[in-house]
């Protein structure tokens, strides 16, 4: 069970950092604060607004030495396209096998226009320098997500 004051589950997966494909693991960021955000799909309206909000506030994250990592079940190729089109300066991790979304409890039944399907819930985990979850944001506001994070972190 993933919850506040517990260690964030470790993961290791393909991702994109600084425009290049690389294996990313959560443990490589021990010693830094991490914003780990899960989102449904690259280049969809809500996910684009959310990603751009984080991008537009990235200097503040950087100033406070906070690592931003987005995770979806999209491919690395899709992530590279998303990063290029929207000039996203942070890390995106590909979870095509759904191991990370299941580990974090953000995969399950959703509904859209009365139709039920399996998908990724929009959820964010704030992780401290010791790898412990300090806050969980359920259904973050896509247009003011950075502000929600800064408020919780008293920045």
N, C-alpha and C. Protein backbone atom coordinates (compact mmCIF):
# COMPACT_ATOMS: atom_id res chain seq x y z
N UNK A 1 0.84 -1.20 0.00
CA UNK A 1 0.00 0.00 0.00
C UNK A 1 0.88 1.26 0.00
N UNK A 2 0.66 2.11 -0.96
CA UNK A 2 1.43 3.35 -1.06
C UNK A 2 0.71 4.42 -0.25
N UNK A 3 1.44 4.98 0.73
CA UNK A 3 0.82 6.02 1.54
C UNK A 3 1.86 6.99 2.10
N UNK A 4 1.36 8.11 2.61
CA UNK A 4 2.22 9.14 3.19
C UNK A 4 3.00 8.55 4.36
N UNK A 5 4.24 9.00 4.51
CA UNK A 5 5.18 8.56 5.55
C UNK A 5 5.73 7.15 5.34
N UNK A 6 5.48 6.58 4.16
CA UNK A 6 6.06 5.29 3.80
C UNK A 6 7.05 5.51 2.67
N UNK A 7 7.98 4.58 2.55
CA UNK A 7 8.98 4.64 1.48
C UNK A 7 8.27 4.53 0.12
N UNK A 8 8.66 5.36 -0.82
CA UNK A 8 8.10 5.29 -2.17
C UNK A 8 8.62 4.02 -2.85
N UNK A 9 7.74 3.26 -3.50
CA UNK A 9 8.18 2.04 -4.17
C UNK A 9 9.23 2.32 -5.25
N UNK A 10 10.28 1.54 -5.24
CA UNK A 10 11.37 1.66 -6.22
C UNK A 10 10.86 1.22 -7.59
N UNK A 11 11.41 1.81 -8.62
CA UNK A 11 11.14 1.35 -9.98
C UNK A 11 12.39 1.58 -10.83
N UNK A 12 12.44 0.85 -11.91
CA UNK A 12 13.52 0.98 -12.90
C UNK A 12 12.86 0.74 -14.25
N UNK A 13 12.94 1.74 -15.14
CA UNK A 13 12.26 1.62 -16.43
C UNK A 13 12.90 2.55 -17.45
N UNK A 14 12.59 2.31 -18.71
CA UNK A 14 13.06 3.20 -19.78
C UNK A 14 12.40 4.56 -19.64
N UNK A 15 13.19 5.56 -19.90
CA UNK A 15 12.65 6.91 -19.84
C UNK A 15 13.44 7.84 -20.72
N UNK A 16 13.09 9.11 -20.62
CA UNK A 16 13.76 10.14 -21.39
C UNK A 16 14.24 11.21 -20.42
N UNK A 17 15.53 11.51 -20.46
CA UNK A 17 16.12 12.55 -19.65
C UNK A 17 17.06 13.36 -20.55
N UNK A 18 16.90 14.67 -20.53
CA UNK A 18 17.71 15.55 -21.38
C UNK A 18 17.66 15.14 -22.86
N UNK A 19 16.46 14.73 -23.30
CA UNK A 19 16.27 14.39 -24.70
C UNK A 19 16.83 13.05 -25.15
N UNK A 20 17.34 12.26 -24.19
CA UNK A 20 17.93 10.96 -24.53
C UNK A 20 17.26 9.82 -23.76
N UNK A 21 17.17 8.67 -24.43
CA UNK A 21 16.61 7.49 -23.78
C UNK A 21 17.61 6.94 -22.77
N UNK A 22 17.11 6.58 -21.61
CA UNK A 22 17.97 6.10 -20.53
C UNK A 22 17.13 5.28 -19.55
N UNK A 23 17.75 4.33 -18.86
CA UNK A 23 17.07 3.61 -17.78
C UNK A 23 17.03 4.56 -16.58
N UNK A 24 15.85 4.75 -16.04
CA UNK A 24 15.64 5.65 -14.91
C UNK A 24 15.21 4.81 -13.71
N UNK A 25 15.81 5.05 -12.56
CA UNK A 25 15.34 4.40 -11.34
C UNK A 25 15.10 5.48 -10.29
N UNK A 26 14.11 5.27 -9.46
CA UNK A 26 13.79 6.26 -8.42
C UNK A 26 14.95 6.42 -7.46
N UNK A 27 15.63 5.34 -7.14
CA UNK A 27 16.71 5.39 -6.14
C UNK A 27 17.89 6.28 -6.56
N UNK A 28 18.04 6.54 -7.85
CA UNK A 28 19.14 7.41 -8.28
C UNK A 28 18.93 8.86 -7.84
N UNK A 29 17.72 9.17 -7.36
CA UNK A 29 17.43 10.54 -6.92
C UNK A 29 17.38 10.69 -5.40
N UNK A 30 17.82 9.65 -4.68
CA UNK A 30 17.91 9.79 -3.22
C UNK A 30 18.82 10.99 -2.93
N UNK A 31 18.43 11.76 -1.92
CA UNK A 31 19.18 12.98 -1.61
C UNK A 31 18.55 14.21 -2.23
N UNK A 32 17.53 14.00 -3.08
CA UNK A 32 16.80 15.11 -3.70
C UNK A 32 15.31 14.92 -3.48
N UNK A 33 14.57 16.02 -3.47
CA UNK A 33 13.11 15.93 -3.45
C UNK A 33 12.65 15.56 -4.85
N UNK A 34 11.59 14.77 -4.92
CA UNK A 34 11.07 14.32 -6.21
C UNK A 34 9.56 14.57 -6.28
N UNK A 35 9.13 15.12 -7.41
CA UNK A 35 7.71 15.20 -7.76
C UNK A 35 7.50 14.07 -8.76
N UNK A 36 6.76 13.05 -8.35
CA UNK A 36 6.49 11.90 -9.21
C UNK A 36 5.02 11.98 -9.61
N UNK A 37 4.78 12.34 -10.87
CA UNK A 37 3.38 12.50 -11.27
C UNK A 37 2.99 11.50 -12.34
N UNK A 38 1.83 10.91 -12.15
CA UNK A 38 1.27 9.93 -13.08
C UNK A 38 0.18 10.63 -13.89
N UNK A 39 0.18 10.38 -15.18
CA UNK A 39 -0.81 11.01 -16.06
C UNK A 39 -1.26 9.99 -17.10
N UNK A 40 -2.47 10.17 -17.65
CA UNK A 40 -3.03 9.16 -18.56
C UNK A 40 -2.35 9.00 -19.92
N UNK A 41 -2.07 10.10 -20.66
CA UNK A 41 -1.60 9.89 -22.04
C UNK A 41 -0.92 11.14 -22.60
N UNK A 42 0.21 10.90 -23.27
CA UNK A 42 0.95 11.98 -23.92
C UNK A 42 0.07 12.73 -24.92
N UNK A 43 0.25 14.04 -24.97
CA UNK A 43 -0.35 14.94 -25.95
C UNK A 43 -1.88 14.96 -25.97
N UNK A 44 -2.53 14.50 -24.90
CA UNK A 44 -3.98 14.69 -24.79
C UNK A 44 -4.19 16.05 -24.11
N UNK A 45 -5.37 16.65 -24.25
CA UNK A 45 -5.56 18.01 -23.75
C UNK A 45 -5.18 18.22 -22.27
N UNK A 46 -5.74 17.44 -21.36
CA UNK A 46 -5.45 17.62 -19.93
C UNK A 46 -4.00 17.35 -19.58
N UNK A 47 -3.43 16.32 -20.18
CA UNK A 47 -2.03 15.95 -19.88
C UNK A 47 -1.07 16.99 -20.46
N UNK A 48 -1.44 17.59 -21.58
CA UNK A 48 -0.61 18.64 -22.17
C UNK A 48 -0.66 19.89 -21.29
N UNK A 49 -1.84 20.26 -20.83
CA UNK A 49 -1.97 21.43 -19.94
C UNK A 49 -1.14 21.20 -18.67
N UNK A 50 -1.24 20.01 -18.09
CA UNK A 50 -0.50 19.68 -16.87
C UNK A 50 1.00 19.73 -17.12
N UNK A 51 1.46 19.09 -18.18
CA UNK A 51 2.88 19.08 -18.51
C UNK A 51 3.41 20.49 -18.75
N UNK A 52 2.64 21.30 -19.45
CA UNK A 52 3.07 22.67 -19.74
C UNK A 52 3.07 23.53 -18.48
N UNK A 53 2.15 23.28 -17.55
CA UNK A 53 2.17 24.00 -16.28
C UNK A 53 3.44 23.68 -15.50
N UNK A 54 3.82 22.42 -15.48
CA UNK A 54 5.06 22.02 -14.81
C UNK A 54 6.27 22.61 -15.55
N UNK A 55 6.23 22.61 -16.87
CA UNK A 55 7.31 23.20 -17.67
C UNK A 55 7.46 24.69 -17.37
N UNK A 56 6.33 25.40 -17.33
CA UNK A 56 6.36 26.85 -17.14
C UNK A 56 6.86 27.25 -15.76
N UNK A 57 6.83 26.32 -14.81
CA UNK A 57 7.31 26.58 -13.45
C UNK A 57 8.59 25.82 -13.12
N UNK A 58 9.21 25.25 -14.15
CA UNK A 58 10.36 24.37 -13.94
C UNK A 58 11.54 25.08 -13.29
N UNK A 59 11.73 26.35 -13.60
CA UNK A 59 12.85 27.09 -12.99
C UNK A 59 12.75 27.09 -11.46
N UNK A 60 11.53 27.19 -10.94
CA UNK A 60 11.35 27.18 -9.49
C UNK A 60 11.65 25.79 -8.92
N UNK A 61 11.23 24.75 -9.63
CA UNK A 61 11.58 23.39 -9.18
C UNK A 61 13.10 23.24 -9.14
N UNK A 62 13.76 23.69 -10.22
CA UNK A 62 15.21 23.59 -10.33
C UNK A 62 15.91 24.38 -9.21
N UNK A 63 15.42 25.57 -8.96
CA UNK A 63 15.99 26.43 -7.92
C UNK A 63 15.99 25.74 -6.56
N UNK A 64 14.93 24.96 -6.30
CA UNK A 64 14.80 24.25 -5.03
C UNK A 64 15.30 22.81 -5.11
N UNK A 65 16.03 22.50 -6.19
CA UNK A 65 16.64 21.18 -6.41
C UNK A 65 15.61 20.04 -6.34
N UNK A 66 14.45 20.28 -6.95
CA UNK A 66 13.38 19.29 -6.99
C UNK A 66 13.37 18.64 -8.37
N UNK A 67 13.42 17.31 -8.39
CA UNK A 67 13.38 16.54 -9.63
C UNK A 67 11.92 16.27 -9.98
N UNK A 68 11.55 16.51 -11.23
CA UNK A 68 10.19 16.25 -11.71
C UNK A 68 10.24 15.05 -12.65
N UNK A 69 9.41 14.05 -12.34
CA UNK A 69 9.33 12.83 -13.16
C UNK A 69 7.87 12.56 -13.47
N UNK A 70 7.56 12.47 -14.76
CA UNK A 70 6.22 12.10 -15.20
C UNK A 70 6.22 10.66 -15.67
N UNK A 71 5.16 9.93 -15.34
CA UNK A 71 5.05 8.52 -15.76
C UNK A 71 3.70 8.28 -16.42
N UNK A 72 3.74 7.64 -17.59
CA UNK A 72 2.52 7.15 -18.23
C UNK A 72 2.86 5.81 -18.88
N UNK A 73 1.84 5.17 -19.41
CA UNK A 73 2.07 3.87 -20.06
C UNK A 73 2.44 4.02 -21.53
N UNK A 74 2.67 5.27 -21.96
CA UNK A 74 3.10 5.51 -23.33
C UNK A 74 4.53 5.02 -23.56
N UNK A 75 4.89 4.83 -24.81
CA UNK A 75 6.23 4.36 -25.19
C UNK A 75 7.26 5.49 -25.05
N UNK A 76 8.52 5.11 -25.04
CA UNK A 76 9.61 6.10 -25.03
C UNK A 76 9.50 6.99 -26.27
N UNK A 77 9.19 6.40 -27.41
CA UNK A 77 9.05 7.17 -28.65
C UNK A 77 7.97 8.24 -28.50
N UNK A 78 6.84 7.87 -27.90
CA UNK A 78 5.76 8.82 -27.64
C UNK A 78 6.24 9.93 -26.70
N UNK A 79 6.99 9.54 -25.66
CA UNK A 79 7.52 10.53 -24.72
C UNK A 79 8.48 11.50 -25.42
N UNK A 80 9.35 10.98 -26.28
CA UNK A 80 10.28 11.83 -27.02
C UNK A 80 9.51 12.86 -27.85
N UNK A 81 8.44 12.43 -28.48
CA UNK A 81 7.59 13.31 -29.28
C UNK A 81 6.92 14.37 -28.40
N UNK A 82 6.39 13.97 -27.26
CA UNK A 82 5.73 14.88 -26.30
C UNK A 82 6.73 15.94 -25.82
N UNK A 83 7.91 15.48 -25.44
CA UNK A 83 8.96 16.39 -24.96
C UNK A 83 9.35 17.39 -26.04
N UNK A 84 9.53 16.89 -27.26
CA UNK A 84 9.95 17.76 -28.36
C UNK A 84 8.87 18.78 -28.71
N UNK A 85 7.62 18.32 -28.85
CA UNK A 85 6.53 19.22 -29.25
C UNK A 85 6.22 20.28 -28.20
N UNK A 86 6.31 19.92 -26.93
CA UNK A 86 5.92 20.84 -25.86
C UNK A 86 7.11 21.38 -25.07
N UNK A 87 8.33 21.06 -25.52
CA UNK A 87 9.55 21.55 -24.88
C UNK A 87 9.56 21.28 -23.37
N UNK A 88 9.29 20.04 -23.02
CA UNK A 88 9.25 19.65 -21.60
C UNK A 88 10.68 19.41 -21.11
N UNK A 89 11.07 20.08 -20.01
CA UNK A 89 12.46 19.98 -19.54
C UNK A 89 12.69 18.91 -18.48
N UNK A 90 11.67 18.13 -18.16
CA UNK A 90 11.80 17.15 -17.08
C UNK A 90 11.78 15.73 -17.62
N UNK A 91 11.93 14.78 -16.72
CA UNK A 91 12.03 13.36 -17.07
C UNK A 91 10.65 12.75 -17.31
N UNK A 92 10.53 11.96 -18.35
CA UNK A 92 9.33 11.15 -18.57
C UNK A 92 9.74 9.69 -18.59
N UNK A 93 9.00 8.86 -17.88
CA UNK A 93 9.27 7.43 -17.78
C UNK A 93 8.15 6.66 -18.47
N UNK A 94 8.55 5.64 -19.23
CA UNK A 94 7.61 4.78 -19.94
C UNK A 94 7.31 3.54 -19.11
N UNK A 95 6.03 3.29 -18.91
CA UNK A 95 5.60 2.12 -18.13
C UNK A 95 4.66 1.26 -18.96
N UNK A 96 5.14 0.86 -20.13
CA UNK A 96 4.29 0.09 -21.05
C UNK A 96 3.79 -1.22 -20.46
N UNK A 97 4.58 -1.83 -19.57
CA UNK A 97 4.15 -3.10 -18.97
C UNK A 97 3.27 -2.90 -17.73
N UNK A 98 3.02 -1.65 -17.39
CA UNK A 98 2.11 -1.25 -16.30
C UNK A 98 2.57 -1.69 -14.90
N UNK A 99 3.84 -2.03 -14.75
CA UNK A 99 4.34 -2.46 -13.44
C UNK A 99 4.37 -1.31 -12.44
N UNK A 100 4.76 -0.12 -12.89
CA UNK A 100 4.88 1.01 -11.96
C UNK A 100 3.49 1.53 -11.58
N UNK A 101 2.61 1.69 -12.56
CA UNK A 101 1.27 2.21 -12.24
C UNK A 101 0.53 1.26 -11.30
N UNK A 102 0.75 -0.03 -11.47
CA UNK A 102 0.11 -0.99 -10.57
C UNK A 102 0.74 -0.93 -9.18
N UNK A 103 2.07 -0.81 -9.11
CA UNK A 103 2.78 -0.72 -7.84
C UNK A 103 2.33 0.49 -7.02
N UNK A 104 2.06 1.60 -7.72
CA UNK A 104 1.64 2.84 -7.04
C UNK A 104 0.12 2.93 -6.87
N UNK A 105 -0.61 1.95 -7.39
CA UNK A 105 -2.06 1.94 -7.22
C UNK A 105 -2.80 2.98 -8.04
N UNK A 106 -2.21 3.36 -9.19
CA UNK A 106 -2.84 4.39 -10.01
C UNK A 106 -3.41 3.83 -11.32
N UNK A 107 -3.57 2.52 -11.38
CA UNK A 107 -4.15 1.86 -12.56
C UNK A 107 -5.46 1.23 -12.14
N UNK A 108 -6.52 1.48 -12.91
CA UNK A 108 -7.80 0.88 -12.57
C UNK A 108 -8.91 1.32 -13.49
N UNK A 109 -10.13 1.02 -13.06
CA UNK A 109 -11.29 1.31 -13.89
C UNK A 109 -11.61 2.80 -13.88
N UNK A 110 -11.80 3.32 -15.07
CA UNK A 110 -12.18 4.72 -15.25
C UNK A 110 -13.42 4.73 -16.14
N UNK A 111 -14.06 5.87 -16.23
CA UNK A 111 -15.17 5.97 -17.17
C UNK A 111 -15.14 7.33 -17.86
N UNK A 112 -15.53 7.31 -19.11
CA UNK A 112 -15.58 8.53 -19.91
C UNK A 112 -16.82 8.45 -20.78
N UNK A 113 -17.70 9.42 -20.64
CA UNK A 113 -18.95 9.47 -21.39
C UNK A 113 -19.73 8.16 -21.27
N UNK A 114 -19.78 7.63 -20.05
CA UNK A 114 -20.54 6.42 -19.77
C UNK A 114 -19.85 5.12 -20.14
N UNK A 115 -18.68 5.21 -20.73
CA UNK A 115 -17.95 4.01 -21.14
C UNK A 115 -16.86 3.71 -20.11
N UNK A 116 -16.79 2.46 -19.66
CA UNK A 116 -15.79 2.06 -18.67
C UNK A 116 -14.58 1.45 -19.36
N UNK A 117 -13.40 1.73 -18.83
CA UNK A 117 -12.16 1.21 -19.39
C UNK A 117 -11.08 1.24 -18.32
N UNK A 118 -9.96 0.56 -18.57
CA UNK A 118 -8.82 0.55 -17.65
C UNK A 118 -7.87 1.67 -18.05
N UNK A 119 -7.38 2.40 -17.06
CA UNK A 119 -6.48 3.51 -17.37
C UNK A 119 -5.71 3.98 -16.15
N UNK A 120 -4.88 4.98 -16.39
CA UNK A 120 -4.05 5.57 -15.34
C UNK A 120 -4.78 6.74 -14.69
N UNK A 121 -4.82 6.73 -13.37
CA UNK A 121 -5.39 7.84 -12.62
C UNK A 121 -4.36 8.96 -12.54
N UNK A 122 -4.83 10.19 -12.62
CA UNK A 122 -3.94 11.34 -12.48
C UNK A 122 -3.67 11.52 -10.98
N UNK A 123 -2.43 11.29 -10.59
CA UNK A 123 -2.06 11.37 -9.17
C UNK A 123 -0.59 11.75 -9.06
N UNK A 124 -0.26 12.50 -8.01
CA UNK A 124 1.11 12.94 -7.81
C UNK A 124 1.59 12.58 -6.41
N UNK A 125 2.84 12.14 -6.35
CA UNK A 125 3.48 11.77 -5.08
C UNK A 125 4.66 12.70 -4.86
N UNK A 126 4.70 13.37 -3.71
CA UNK A 126 5.84 14.20 -3.36
C UNK A 126 6.72 13.37 -2.44
N UNK A 127 7.98 13.25 -2.80
CA UNK A 127 8.91 12.34 -2.13
C UNK A 127 10.09 13.15 -1.60
N UNK A 128 10.45 12.91 -0.33
CA UNK A 128 11.56 13.66 0.26
C UNK A 128 12.92 13.06 -0.09
N UNK A 129 13.97 13.68 0.43
CA UNK A 129 15.34 13.27 0.12
C UNK A 129 15.67 11.85 0.57
N UNK A 130 14.91 11.32 1.51
CA UNK A 130 15.14 9.96 2.01
C UNK A 130 14.29 8.92 1.28
N UNK A 131 13.53 9.37 0.27
CA UNK A 131 12.71 8.45 -0.50
C UNK A 131 11.36 8.14 0.13
N UNK A 132 10.94 8.99 1.07
CA UNK A 132 9.67 8.80 1.77
C UNK A 132 8.61 9.73 1.18
N UNK A 133 7.41 9.21 0.98
CA UNK A 133 6.30 10.01 0.44
C UNK A 133 5.82 10.97 1.53
N UNK A 134 5.82 12.27 1.20
CA UNK A 134 5.36 13.28 2.16
C UNK A 134 3.95 13.75 1.87
N UNK A 135 3.55 13.71 0.61
CA UNK A 135 2.20 14.13 0.21
C UNK A 135 1.74 13.32 -0.99
N UNK A 136 0.43 13.11 -1.07
CA UNK A 136 -0.18 12.51 -2.25
C UNK A 136 -1.27 13.47 -2.72
N UNK A 137 -1.21 13.85 -3.98
CA UNK A 137 -2.23 14.74 -4.54
C UNK A 137 -3.12 13.91 -5.45
N UNK A 138 -4.36 13.70 -5.02
CA UNK A 138 -5.34 12.98 -5.84
C UNK A 138 -5.97 13.96 -6.82
N UNK A 139 -6.07 13.58 -8.06
CA UNK A 139 -6.69 14.40 -9.09
C UNK A 139 -6.19 15.85 -9.07
N UNK A 140 -4.90 16.05 -9.30
CA UNK A 140 -4.38 17.42 -9.32
C UNK A 140 -5.05 18.27 -10.40
N UNK A 141 -5.14 19.55 -10.14
CA UNK A 141 -5.68 20.50 -11.10
C UNK A 141 -4.63 20.67 -12.20
N UNK A 142 -4.96 20.31 -13.42
CA UNK A 142 -3.96 20.32 -14.50
C UNK A 142 -3.41 21.71 -14.79
N UNK A 143 -4.22 22.75 -14.63
CA UNK A 143 -3.76 24.09 -14.98
C UNK A 143 -3.02 24.80 -13.84
N UNK A 144 -3.08 24.24 -12.63
CA UNK A 144 -2.37 24.89 -11.50
C UNK A 144 -1.63 23.86 -10.65
N UNK A 145 -1.15 22.80 -11.30
CA UNK A 145 -0.52 21.71 -10.57
C UNK A 145 0.75 22.16 -9.84
N UNK A 146 1.57 22.95 -10.50
CA UNK A 146 2.81 23.43 -9.86
C UNK A 146 2.49 24.21 -8.59
N UNK A 147 1.48 25.06 -8.67
CA UNK A 147 1.09 25.87 -7.52
C UNK A 147 0.64 24.99 -6.35
N UNK A 148 -0.11 23.91 -6.65
CA UNK A 148 -0.53 22.96 -5.61
C UNK A 148 0.71 22.37 -4.92
N UNK A 149 1.70 22.00 -5.72
CA UNK A 149 2.93 21.40 -5.18
C UNK A 149 3.68 22.41 -4.33
N UNK A 150 3.88 23.62 -4.84
CA UNK A 150 4.62 24.64 -4.11
C UNK A 150 3.96 24.96 -2.77
N UNK A 151 2.64 25.00 -2.77
CA UNK A 151 1.89 25.29 -1.52
C UNK A 151 2.14 24.18 -0.49
N UNK A 152 2.07 22.92 -0.93
CA UNK A 152 2.31 21.80 -0.01
C UNK A 152 3.73 21.78 0.53
N UNK A 153 4.69 22.23 -0.30
CA UNK A 153 6.08 22.24 0.10
C UNK A 153 6.51 23.56 0.75
N UNK A 154 5.53 24.44 0.95
CA UNK A 154 5.78 25.76 1.56
C UNK A 154 6.85 26.55 0.80
N UNK A 155 6.76 26.58 -0.51
CA UNK A 155 7.72 27.31 -1.34
C UNK A 155 7.09 28.58 -1.91
